[in-house]
N, C-alpha and C. Protein backbone atom coordinates (compact mmCIF):
# COMPACT_ATOMS: atom_id res chain seq x y z
N SER A 1 1.03 -0.91 0.14
CA SER A 1 -0.10 0.09 -0.22
C SER A 1 1.20 1.45 0.17
N ALA A 2 0.37 2.48 -0.42
CA ALA A 2 1.04 3.57 -0.38
C ALA A 2 1.60 3.73 1.07
N THR A 3 0.70 3.97 1.98
CA THR A 3 1.36 3.92 3.34
C THR A 3 2.74 3.38 3.67
N ALA A 4 2.40 1.72 3.45
CA ALA A 4 3.59 1.24 3.82
C ALA A 4 4.71 1.58 2.74
N ALA A 5 4.59 1.74 1.87
CA ALA A 5 5.65 2.58 0.77
C ALA A 5 6.20 3.80 1.67
N GLU A 6 5.17 4.91 2.00
CA GLU A 6 5.51 6.04 2.38
C GLU A 6 6.47 5.73 3.83
N ASP A 7 6.33 4.77 4.84
CA ASP A 7 6.57 4.42 6.22
C ASP A 7 7.83 3.75 5.92
N SER A 8 8.29 2.93 4.73
CA SER A 8 9.56 2.26 4.69
C SER A 8 10.66 3.38 4.23
N GLY A 9 10.10 4.59 4.20
CA GLY A 9 10.87 5.84 3.61
C GLY A 9 10.95 5.85 1.69
N LEU A 10 10.26 5.34 1.11
CA LEU A 10 10.69 4.86 -0.12
C LEU A 10 10.37 6.14 -0.65
N VAL A 11 9.54 6.83 -0.36
CA VAL A 11 9.02 8.06 -0.92
C VAL A 11 10.06 9.04 -1.07
N ALA A 12 10.53 9.70 -2.12
CA ALA A 12 11.77 10.37 -2.20
C ALA A 12 10.80 12.31 -1.49
N GLY A 13 12.01 12.81 -1.35
CA GLY A 13 11.29 14.34 -1.16
C GLY A 13 11.06 14.73 -2.65
N LYS A 14 10.48 16.05 -2.08
CA LYS A 14 9.64 17.04 -3.27
C LYS A 14 10.97 17.50 -4.56
N GLY A 15 10.59 17.00 -5.55
CA GLY A 15 11.57 17.14 -6.49
C GLY A 15 10.90 18.47 -7.31
N GLY A 16 11.46 20.03 -6.66
CA GLY A 16 11.03 21.19 -7.71
C GLY A 16 12.61 21.09 -8.71
N ALA A 17 11.69 21.93 -9.45
CA ALA A 17 12.87 22.07 -10.61
C ALA A 17 13.30 22.97 -10.94
N SER A 18 14.56 23.73 -11.23
CA SER A 18 14.82 25.07 -11.53
C SER A 18 14.75 25.03 -12.88
N ALA A 19 14.06 26.50 -13.17
CA ALA A 19 13.82 26.97 -14.60
C ALA A 19 14.86 27.42 -15.45
N LEU A 20 15.28 27.22 -16.51
CA LEU A 20 16.73 27.95 -17.19
C LEU A 20 15.88 28.83 -18.02
N ASN A 21 14.76 28.93 -18.22
CA ASN A 21 13.73 29.77 -19.14
C ASN A 21 13.49 30.61 -18.57
N VAL A 22 13.71 32.07 -19.30
CA VAL A 22 13.20 33.10 -18.97
C VAL A 22 11.62 33.84 -19.00
N ALA A 23 11.00 34.01 -18.33
CA ALA A 23 9.58 34.35 -18.30
C ALA A 23 9.36 36.01 -19.27
N GLY A 24 8.40 35.87 -20.04
CA GLY A 24 8.19 36.72 -21.14
C GLY A 24 8.16 37.89 -20.47
N PRO A 25 7.44 38.88 -21.49
CA PRO A 25 6.83 40.52 -20.60
C PRO A 25 5.82 39.91 -19.98
N ASP A 26 4.63 38.93 -20.76
CA ASP A 26 3.70 38.75 -20.17
C ASP A 26 3.35 37.92 -18.69
N GLY A 27 4.79 37.34 -18.33
CA GLY A 27 4.70 36.34 -17.36
C GLY A 27 5.16 34.59 -17.89
N SER A 28 4.26 34.90 -18.88
CA SER A 28 4.32 33.41 -19.70
C SER A 28 5.75 32.91 -19.61
N MET A 29 5.64 31.23 -19.62
CA MET A 29 6.85 30.87 -19.63
C MET A 29 6.93 29.86 -21.24
N PRO A 30 7.60 29.74 -22.43
CA PRO A 30 8.30 28.99 -23.53
C PRO A 30 8.02 27.91 -23.26
N GLU A 31 7.68 27.00 -24.04
CA GLU A 31 8.28 25.72 -23.78
C GLU A 31 9.42 25.20 -23.70
N PRO A 32 10.11 24.76 -22.56
CA PRO A 32 11.21 24.39 -22.39
C PRO A 32 11.95 23.22 -23.26
N ASP A 33 13.02 23.67 -23.12
CA ASP A 33 14.16 23.06 -24.33
C ASP A 33 14.56 21.79 -24.10
N PHE A 34 14.04 20.85 -23.70
CA PHE A 34 14.74 19.17 -23.11
C PHE A 34 15.42 18.92 -24.33
N ASN A 35 16.46 18.55 -24.05
CA ASN A 35 17.15 17.78 -25.23
C ASN A 35 16.81 16.52 -25.76
N PRO A 36 16.67 15.95 -26.41
CA PRO A 36 16.15 14.75 -27.12
C PRO A 36 17.04 13.30 -26.88
N ILE A 37 18.13 14.03 -26.11
CA ILE A 37 19.03 12.97 -25.66
C ILE A 37 18.97 13.04 -24.21
N PHE A 38 19.63 11.71 -23.48
CA PHE A 38 19.18 11.74 -22.30
C PHE A 38 20.22 10.62 -21.63
N GLN A 39 21.32 11.38 -21.23
CA GLN A 39 22.13 9.77 -20.63
C GLN A 39 22.55 9.30 -21.73
N ASN A 40 23.12 8.95 -23.09
CA ASN A 40 22.99 8.73 -24.04
C ASN A 40 21.84 7.70 -24.44
N THR A 41 20.80 8.19 -24.06
CA THR A 41 19.81 7.30 -24.24
C THR A 41 18.31 8.50 -25.64
N ILE A 42 17.83 8.51 -26.24
CA ILE A 42 16.54 8.75 -26.91
C ILE A 42 15.33 8.88 -26.10
N VAL A 43 14.95 10.16 -25.89
CA VAL A 43 13.87 10.86 -24.92
C VAL A 43 12.84 10.07 -25.69
N SER A 44 11.73 9.48 -25.64
CA SER A 44 10.08 8.20 -26.11
C SER A 44 9.26 9.25 -25.46
N ARG A 45 8.57 9.99 -26.16
CA ARG A 45 7.29 10.81 -25.64
C ARG A 45 6.51 9.16 -25.43
N THR A 46 6.26 8.60 -24.08
CA THR A 46 5.19 8.22 -23.86
C THR A 46 3.45 8.68 -23.87
N SER A 47 3.73 9.94 -22.84
CA SER A 47 2.25 10.95 -22.81
C SER A 47 2.83 11.98 -22.68
N GLU A 48 1.43 12.36 -22.78
CA GLU A 48 0.74 13.86 -22.10
C GLU A 48 -0.10 13.92 -21.80
N LEU A 49 0.08 14.73 -20.26
CA LEU A 49 -1.24 14.72 -19.25
C LEU A 49 -1.28 16.59 -19.17
N GLU A 50 -2.94 16.42 -18.23
CA GLU A 50 -2.91 18.06 -17.93
C GLU A 50 -3.16 17.87 -17.13
N VAL A 51 -2.65 18.52 -15.68
CA VAL A 51 -2.85 18.30 -14.11
C VAL A 51 -3.89 19.48 -13.54
N GLU A 52 -4.53 19.06 -12.63
CA GLU A 52 -5.09 20.62 -11.66
C GLU A 52 -4.30 20.85 -10.55
N ASP A 53 -3.46 20.16 -9.87
CA ASP A 53 -2.93 20.18 -8.82
C ASP A 53 -0.82 19.60 -9.44
N ARG A 54 -0.69 20.75 -8.62
CA ARG A 54 0.76 21.15 -9.00
C ARG A 54 1.54 19.92 -7.99
N GLU A 55 1.14 19.67 -7.01
CA GLU A 55 1.71 18.18 -5.76
C GLU A 55 0.95 16.97 -6.44
N LEU A 56 2.08 16.02 -6.90
CA LEU A 56 1.28 15.12 -7.18
C LEU A 56 1.91 14.01 -6.55
N LYS A 57 1.25 12.36 -6.52
CA LYS A 57 1.82 11.13 -6.67
C LYS A 57 1.61 10.41 -7.29
N LEU A 58 3.22 9.88 -7.79
CA LEU A 58 3.29 8.58 -8.52
C LEU A 58 3.34 7.59 -8.07
N TYR A 59 2.53 6.69 -8.92
CA TYR A 59 3.08 5.04 -8.20
C TYR A 59 3.25 4.45 -9.00
N LEU A 60 4.54 3.63 -8.91
CA LEU A 60 5.42 2.83 -9.92
C LEU A 60 5.12 1.03 -9.74
N VAL A 61 5.25 0.67 -10.65
CA VAL A 61 4.68 -1.39 -9.99
C VAL A 61 5.07 -2.20 -11.80
N ASP A 62 5.42 -2.95 -11.62
CA ASP A 62 6.10 -4.09 -12.26
C ASP A 62 4.62 -4.31 -13.46
N TYR A 63 4.68 -3.76 -14.41
CA TYR A 63 3.17 -4.40 -15.20
C TYR A 63 3.49 -5.62 -16.08
N SER A 64 4.30 -6.03 -16.39
CA SER A 64 4.58 -7.46 -16.97
C SER A 64 5.20 -8.11 -15.99
N GLN A 65 6.04 -8.89 -16.83
CA GLN A 65 6.97 -9.86 -15.60
C GLN A 65 7.94 -9.27 -14.56
N VAL A 66 7.69 -9.57 -12.90
CA VAL A 66 8.85 -9.24 -12.09
C VAL A 66 9.83 -9.71 -12.74
N ASP A 67 10.95 -8.61 -12.95
CA ASP A 67 12.15 -9.33 -13.26
C ASP A 67 13.42 -8.38 -12.60
N ASN A 68 13.53 -8.23 -11.90
CA ASN A 68 14.40 -7.20 -10.91
C ASN A 68 15.41 -6.17 -11.90
N ASP A 69 13.75 -5.59 -12.60
CA ASP A 69 14.86 -4.18 -13.24
C ASP A 69 14.87 -2.94 -12.22
N SER A 70 15.46 -2.37 -12.47
CA SER A 70 14.87 -1.00 -11.58
C SER A 70 15.06 0.31 -13.01
N ILE A 71 14.93 1.34 -12.41
CA ILE A 71 14.48 2.96 -12.89
C ILE A 71 15.46 3.71 -12.04
N ALA A 72 15.72 4.62 -12.44
CA ALA A 72 15.63 6.09 -12.03
C ALA A 72 14.80 7.30 -12.96
N VAL A 73 13.74 7.95 -11.56
CA VAL A 73 13.06 8.66 -11.77
C VAL A 73 13.69 10.53 -12.44
N TYR A 74 13.29 11.17 -13.15
CA TYR A 74 13.77 12.80 -12.93
C TYR A 74 12.68 13.25 -13.72
N LEU A 75 12.40 14.59 -12.63
CA LEU A 75 11.40 15.59 -13.08
C LEU A 75 12.43 16.96 -13.47
N ASN A 76 12.21 16.99 -14.77
CA ASN A 76 12.92 18.32 -15.25
C ASN A 76 14.78 18.26 -15.34
N ARG A 77 14.66 16.94 -15.43
CA ARG A 77 16.22 16.66 -15.76
C ARG A 77 17.08 16.45 -14.22
N ARG A 78 16.04 16.43 -13.13
CA ARG A 78 17.08 16.90 -11.85
C ARG A 78 16.47 14.96 -11.21
N LEU A 79 17.06 14.81 -10.75
CA LEU A 79 16.94 13.14 -10.27
C LEU A 79 15.49 13.41 -9.11
N ILE A 80 14.94 12.70 -9.26
CA ILE A 80 14.26 12.53 -8.06
C ILE A 80 14.20 11.40 -6.69
N GLN A 81 14.44 10.06 -7.51
CA GLN A 81 15.02 9.04 -7.03
C GLN A 81 15.70 7.73 -8.10
N GLU A 82 16.91 7.31 -7.52
CA GLU A 82 17.11 5.78 -8.81
C GLU A 82 17.44 5.06 -7.90
N ASN A 83 17.85 4.01 -9.19
CA ASN A 83 17.62 2.26 -8.79
C ASN A 83 16.22 2.16 -7.38
N ILE A 84 15.32 2.52 -8.64
CA ILE A 84 14.23 2.02 -7.97
C ILE A 84 13.34 0.29 -8.90
N PRO A 85 13.48 -0.19 -7.50
CA PRO A 85 13.42 -1.84 -7.69
C PRO A 85 11.86 -1.63 -8.35
N ILE A 86 11.29 -2.29 -9.25
CA ILE A 86 10.45 -2.78 -10.22
C ILE A 86 9.44 -3.79 -9.75
N THR A 87 8.72 -3.43 -8.95
CA THR A 87 7.97 -5.00 -8.64
C THR A 87 6.63 -4.78 -8.72
N ASN A 88 6.03 -6.32 -7.45
CA ASN A 88 4.54 -6.03 -8.12
C ASN A 88 3.61 -5.02 -6.34
N LYS A 89 5.03 -4.77 -5.76
CA LYS A 89 4.75 -3.60 -4.81
C LYS A 89 4.75 -2.38 -5.11
N PRO A 90 3.53 -1.11 -4.83
CA PRO A 90 4.14 -0.10 -5.24
C PRO A 90 4.85 0.68 -4.91
N ILE A 91 5.96 1.51 -5.80
CA ILE A 91 6.87 2.29 -5.20
C ILE A 91 5.99 3.62 -4.99
N VAL A 92 6.19 4.61 -4.07
CA VAL A 92 5.21 6.05 -4.18
C VAL A 92 6.72 6.59 -3.79
N LEU A 93 6.51 7.85 -5.14
CA LEU A 93 7.09 8.72 -4.82
C LEU A 93 6.33 10.34 -5.00
N ASN A 94 6.48 11.28 -4.49
CA ASN A 94 6.09 12.47 -3.95
C ASN A 94 6.50 13.22 -4.99
N LEU A 95 6.04 14.10 -6.23
CA LEU A 95 6.38 15.46 -6.94
C LEU A 95 5.87 16.47 -7.05
N THR A 96 6.33 17.44 -7.32
CA THR A 96 6.20 18.78 -7.07
C THR A 96 6.33 19.41 -8.65
N LEU A 97 5.10 20.25 -9.63
CA LEU A 97 5.68 20.63 -10.51
C LEU A 97 6.09 21.82 -10.68
N ASP A 98 6.77 22.48 -11.66
CA ASP A 98 7.60 23.41 -11.51
C ASP A 98 6.49 24.15 -12.15
N ASP A 99 5.48 25.03 -11.38
CA ASP A 99 4.45 26.03 -12.37
C ASP A 99 4.99 27.00 -12.80
N ARG A 100 6.44 27.51 -13.42
CA ARG A 100 6.62 28.80 -14.16
C ARG A 100 6.93 27.80 -15.51
N LEU A 101 6.77 26.31 -15.59
CA LEU A 101 7.41 26.04 -16.89
C LEU A 101 5.70 25.74 -17.71
N SER A 102 6.04 25.87 -19.09
CA SER A 102 4.85 25.16 -20.16
C SER A 102 4.28 24.06 -19.52
N SER A 103 5.61 23.03 -19.64
CA SER A 103 5.34 21.69 -19.58
C SER A 103 6.41 21.13 -18.88
N ASN A 104 6.31 20.06 -17.76
CA ASN A 104 7.30 19.41 -17.02
C ASN A 104 7.69 18.00 -17.70
N GLU A 105 8.45 17.59 -17.50
CA GLU A 105 9.44 16.36 -17.97
C GLU A 105 9.77 15.39 -17.12
N LEU A 106 8.80 14.49 -17.31
CA LEU A 106 8.82 13.00 -15.97
C LEU A 106 9.28 12.10 -17.42
N LEU A 107 10.61 12.16 -16.60
CA LEU A 107 11.42 10.79 -17.38
C LEU A 107 12.03 9.78 -16.67
N PHE A 108 11.53 8.24 -16.97
CA PHE A 108 11.61 6.95 -16.43
C PHE A 108 13.33 6.39 -17.32
N TYR A 109 14.42 6.81 -16.50
CA TYR A 109 15.75 5.58 -17.21
C TYR A 109 15.96 4.58 -16.28
N ALA A 110 16.24 3.63 -17.34
CA ALA A 110 16.28 2.15 -16.84
C ALA A 110 17.77 2.24 -16.42
N LYS A 111 18.30 2.10 -15.28
CA LYS A 111 19.39 1.32 -14.94
C LYS A 111 19.61 0.05 -15.03
N SER A 112 18.71 -0.75 -14.78
CA SER A 112 19.03 -2.28 -15.29
C SER A 112 17.69 -2.80 -15.73
N LEU A 113 18.09 -3.44 -16.78
CA LEU A 113 16.85 -4.34 -17.81
C LEU A 113 16.64 -5.00 -17.36
N GLY A 114 17.09 -5.82 -15.55
CA GLY A 114 16.73 -7.22 -15.43
C GLY A 114 16.70 -8.33 -16.28
N ASP A 115 16.09 -9.47 -16.04
CA ASP A 115 16.31 -10.70 -16.77
C ASP A 115 15.93 -10.79 -17.55
N VAL A 116 14.44 -10.32 -18.53
CA VAL A 116 13.61 -9.99 -19.40
C VAL A 116 13.82 -8.55 -19.94
N PRO A 117 14.57 -7.95 -20.65
CA PRO A 117 14.22 -6.43 -21.15
C PRO A 117 13.02 -6.39 -22.24
N PRO A 118 12.54 -4.93 -22.57
CA PRO A 118 12.86 -3.94 -21.59
C PRO A 118 12.16 -3.73 -20.33
N ASN A 119 12.72 -2.92 -19.85
CA ASN A 119 12.16 -2.22 -18.37
C ASN A 119 11.09 -2.14 -18.69
N THR A 120 9.73 -2.68 -17.80
CA THR A 120 8.46 -1.90 -18.15
C THR A 120 8.11 -1.77 -16.79
N ALA A 121 6.72 -0.57 -16.81
CA ALA A 121 6.41 -0.32 -15.50
C ALA A 121 5.23 0.37 -16.00
N GLY A 122 4.18 -0.19 -15.12
CA GLY A 122 2.68 0.83 -15.01
C GLY A 122 3.26 1.69 -14.19
N ILE A 123 2.27 3.11 -14.51
CA ILE A 123 2.97 4.09 -13.32
C ILE A 123 1.63 4.64 -13.38
N ALA A 124 1.36 5.04 -12.19
CA ALA A 124 -0.45 5.73 -12.21
C ALA A 124 0.40 7.48 -11.49
N ILE A 125 -0.03 8.39 -11.54
CA ILE A 125 -0.23 9.97 -11.09
C ILE A 125 -1.57 10.50 -10.67
N ARG A 126 -1.53 10.38 -9.49
CA ARG A 126 -2.79 10.69 -8.56
C ARG A 126 -2.68 12.40 -8.45
N ASP A 127 -3.53 12.83 -9.11
CA ASP A 127 -4.00 14.45 -9.36
C ASP A 127 -5.26 14.91 -8.82
N GLY A 128 -4.92 14.90 -7.08
CA GLY A 128 -6.51 15.21 -6.27
C GLY A 128 -7.21 13.97 -6.88
N ASP A 129 -8.73 14.34 -7.37
CA ASP A 129 -9.54 12.67 -7.03
C ASP A 129 -8.70 11.97 -8.69
N LYS A 130 -8.07 12.54 -9.45
CA LYS A 130 -8.09 11.79 -10.93
C LYS A 130 -6.79 10.77 -10.60
N LEU A 131 -6.90 9.42 -11.44
CA LEU A 131 -5.60 8.78 -11.71
C LEU A 131 -5.63 9.00 -12.81
N HIS A 132 -4.33 9.10 -13.49
CA HIS A 132 -3.59 8.96 -14.35
C HIS A 132 -3.06 7.46 -14.92
N LYS A 133 -3.12 6.60 -15.52
CA LYS A 133 -2.89 5.81 -15.63
C LYS A 133 -2.02 5.28 -17.12
N ILE A 134 -0.75 5.32 -17.35
CA ILE A 134 -0.02 5.22 -18.17
C ILE A 134 1.21 3.71 -17.76
N LYS A 135 1.28 3.04 -18.69
CA LYS A 135 2.34 2.18 -19.11
C LYS A 135 3.45 2.66 -20.01
N ILE A 136 4.86 2.20 -19.14
CA ILE A 136 6.25 2.68 -20.00
C ILE A 136 7.02 1.74 -20.50
N GLN A 137 7.74 1.95 -21.30
CA GLN A 137 8.82 1.07 -21.36
C GLN A 137 10.24 2.04 -21.78
N SER A 138 11.64 1.14 -21.49
CA SER A 138 12.69 2.18 -21.18
C SER A 138 13.51 1.25 -21.79
N ASP A 139 14.57 1.59 -22.10
CA ASP A 139 15.49 0.08 -22.42
C ASP A 139 17.14 0.89 -22.08
N LYS A 140 18.26 0.81 -22.70
CA LYS A 140 19.76 1.36 -23.19
C LYS A 140 20.12 2.04 -24.15
N VAL A 141 18.62 2.06 -25.06
CA VAL A 141 18.08 2.89 -26.22
C VAL A 141 17.84 4.24 -25.98
N LYS A 142 16.16 3.40 -24.98
CA LYS A 142 15.31 4.79 -24.93
C LYS A 142 14.90 5.12 -23.59
N THR A 143 14.45 5.92 -23.41
CA THR A 143 14.03 6.46 -21.97
C THR A 143 12.72 6.88 -22.47
N SER A 144 11.66 6.58 -21.18
CA SER A 144 10.01 7.02 -21.48
C SER A 144 9.85 8.51 -20.69
N ALA A 145 9.39 9.18 -21.34
CA ALA A 145 9.06 10.00 -21.23
C ALA A 145 7.27 10.93 -20.82
N VAL A 146 7.25 11.02 -19.83
CA VAL A 146 5.36 11.78 -19.62
C VAL A 146 5.34 13.31 -19.26
N TYR A 147 5.21 14.04 -20.42
CA TYR A 147 5.34 15.76 -20.25
C TYR A 147 3.78 15.95 -19.56
N ILE A 148 3.71 16.82 -18.31
CA ILE A 148 2.30 17.22 -17.83
C ILE A 148 2.57 18.68 -17.57
N LYS A 149 1.23 19.11 -18.23
CA LYS A 149 1.37 20.36 -18.18
C LYS A 149 0.38 20.70 -16.96
N LEU A 150 0.48 21.98 -15.88
CA LEU A 150 -0.36 22.54 -15.23
C LEU A 150 -1.36 23.25 -15.79
N LYS A 151 -2.70 22.81 -15.54
CA LYS A 151 -3.77 23.57 -15.84
C LYS A 151 -3.85 24.84 -15.18
N LYS A 152 -4.27 26.11 -15.61
CA LYS A 152 -4.50 27.03 -15.20
C LYS A 152 -5.92 27.34 -14.15
N PRO A 153 -5.59 27.54 -13.21
CA PRO A 153 -7.06 27.91 -12.81
C PRO A 153 -8.27 28.62 -13.47
N SER A 154 -9.20 28.03 -13.59
CA SER A 154 -10.07 29.35 -14.84
C SER A 154 -10.77 30.36 -14.28
N ASN A 155 -10.25 30.66 -12.58
CA ASN A 155 -11.15 31.93 -11.96
C ASN A 155 -9.67 32.64 -11.78
N ALA A 156 -8.92 32.61 -12.07
CA ALA A 156 -7.49 33.09 -12.01
C ALA A 156 -7.54 34.52 -12.12
N ALA A 157 -7.72 35.37 -11.60
CA ALA A 157 -7.58 37.24 -12.04
C ALA A 157 -6.41 37.60 -13.20
N PRO A 158 -6.72 38.04 -13.98
CA PRO A 158 -6.03 38.70 -15.06
C PRO A 158 -4.44 39.29 -14.52
């Protein structure tokens, strides 16, 4: 359960990102310029999400065969946690999106491929009451990426 994962210290600290881009005169941020190569792998866009909450919970579980593979998770190219074993027991990470960016990049880098490549994981992202489910695959050639946009409040003052 998520509580067991949190109690066991498997929850990473909040991963704020440092924005490299400068806001325009209207305060808006350009699309981040994320390099298509990450640690000698090609970044593969797996999914795009729009969320309402800046604070998210990420759940990771093996969706194929449990085979001793592990991943590292990066938010906006900053390490959140590495050497995460992918098993049938969910690992829970807390994420904090950078609301200065137009899109946040969540990378799943294969640290080890286990006994049966590629590295496969089912992820779920908790956004308040919503749960977004995605299947990812990473290997030594490809790093799976999920891009997350923070929905602007509709009642925000101009």
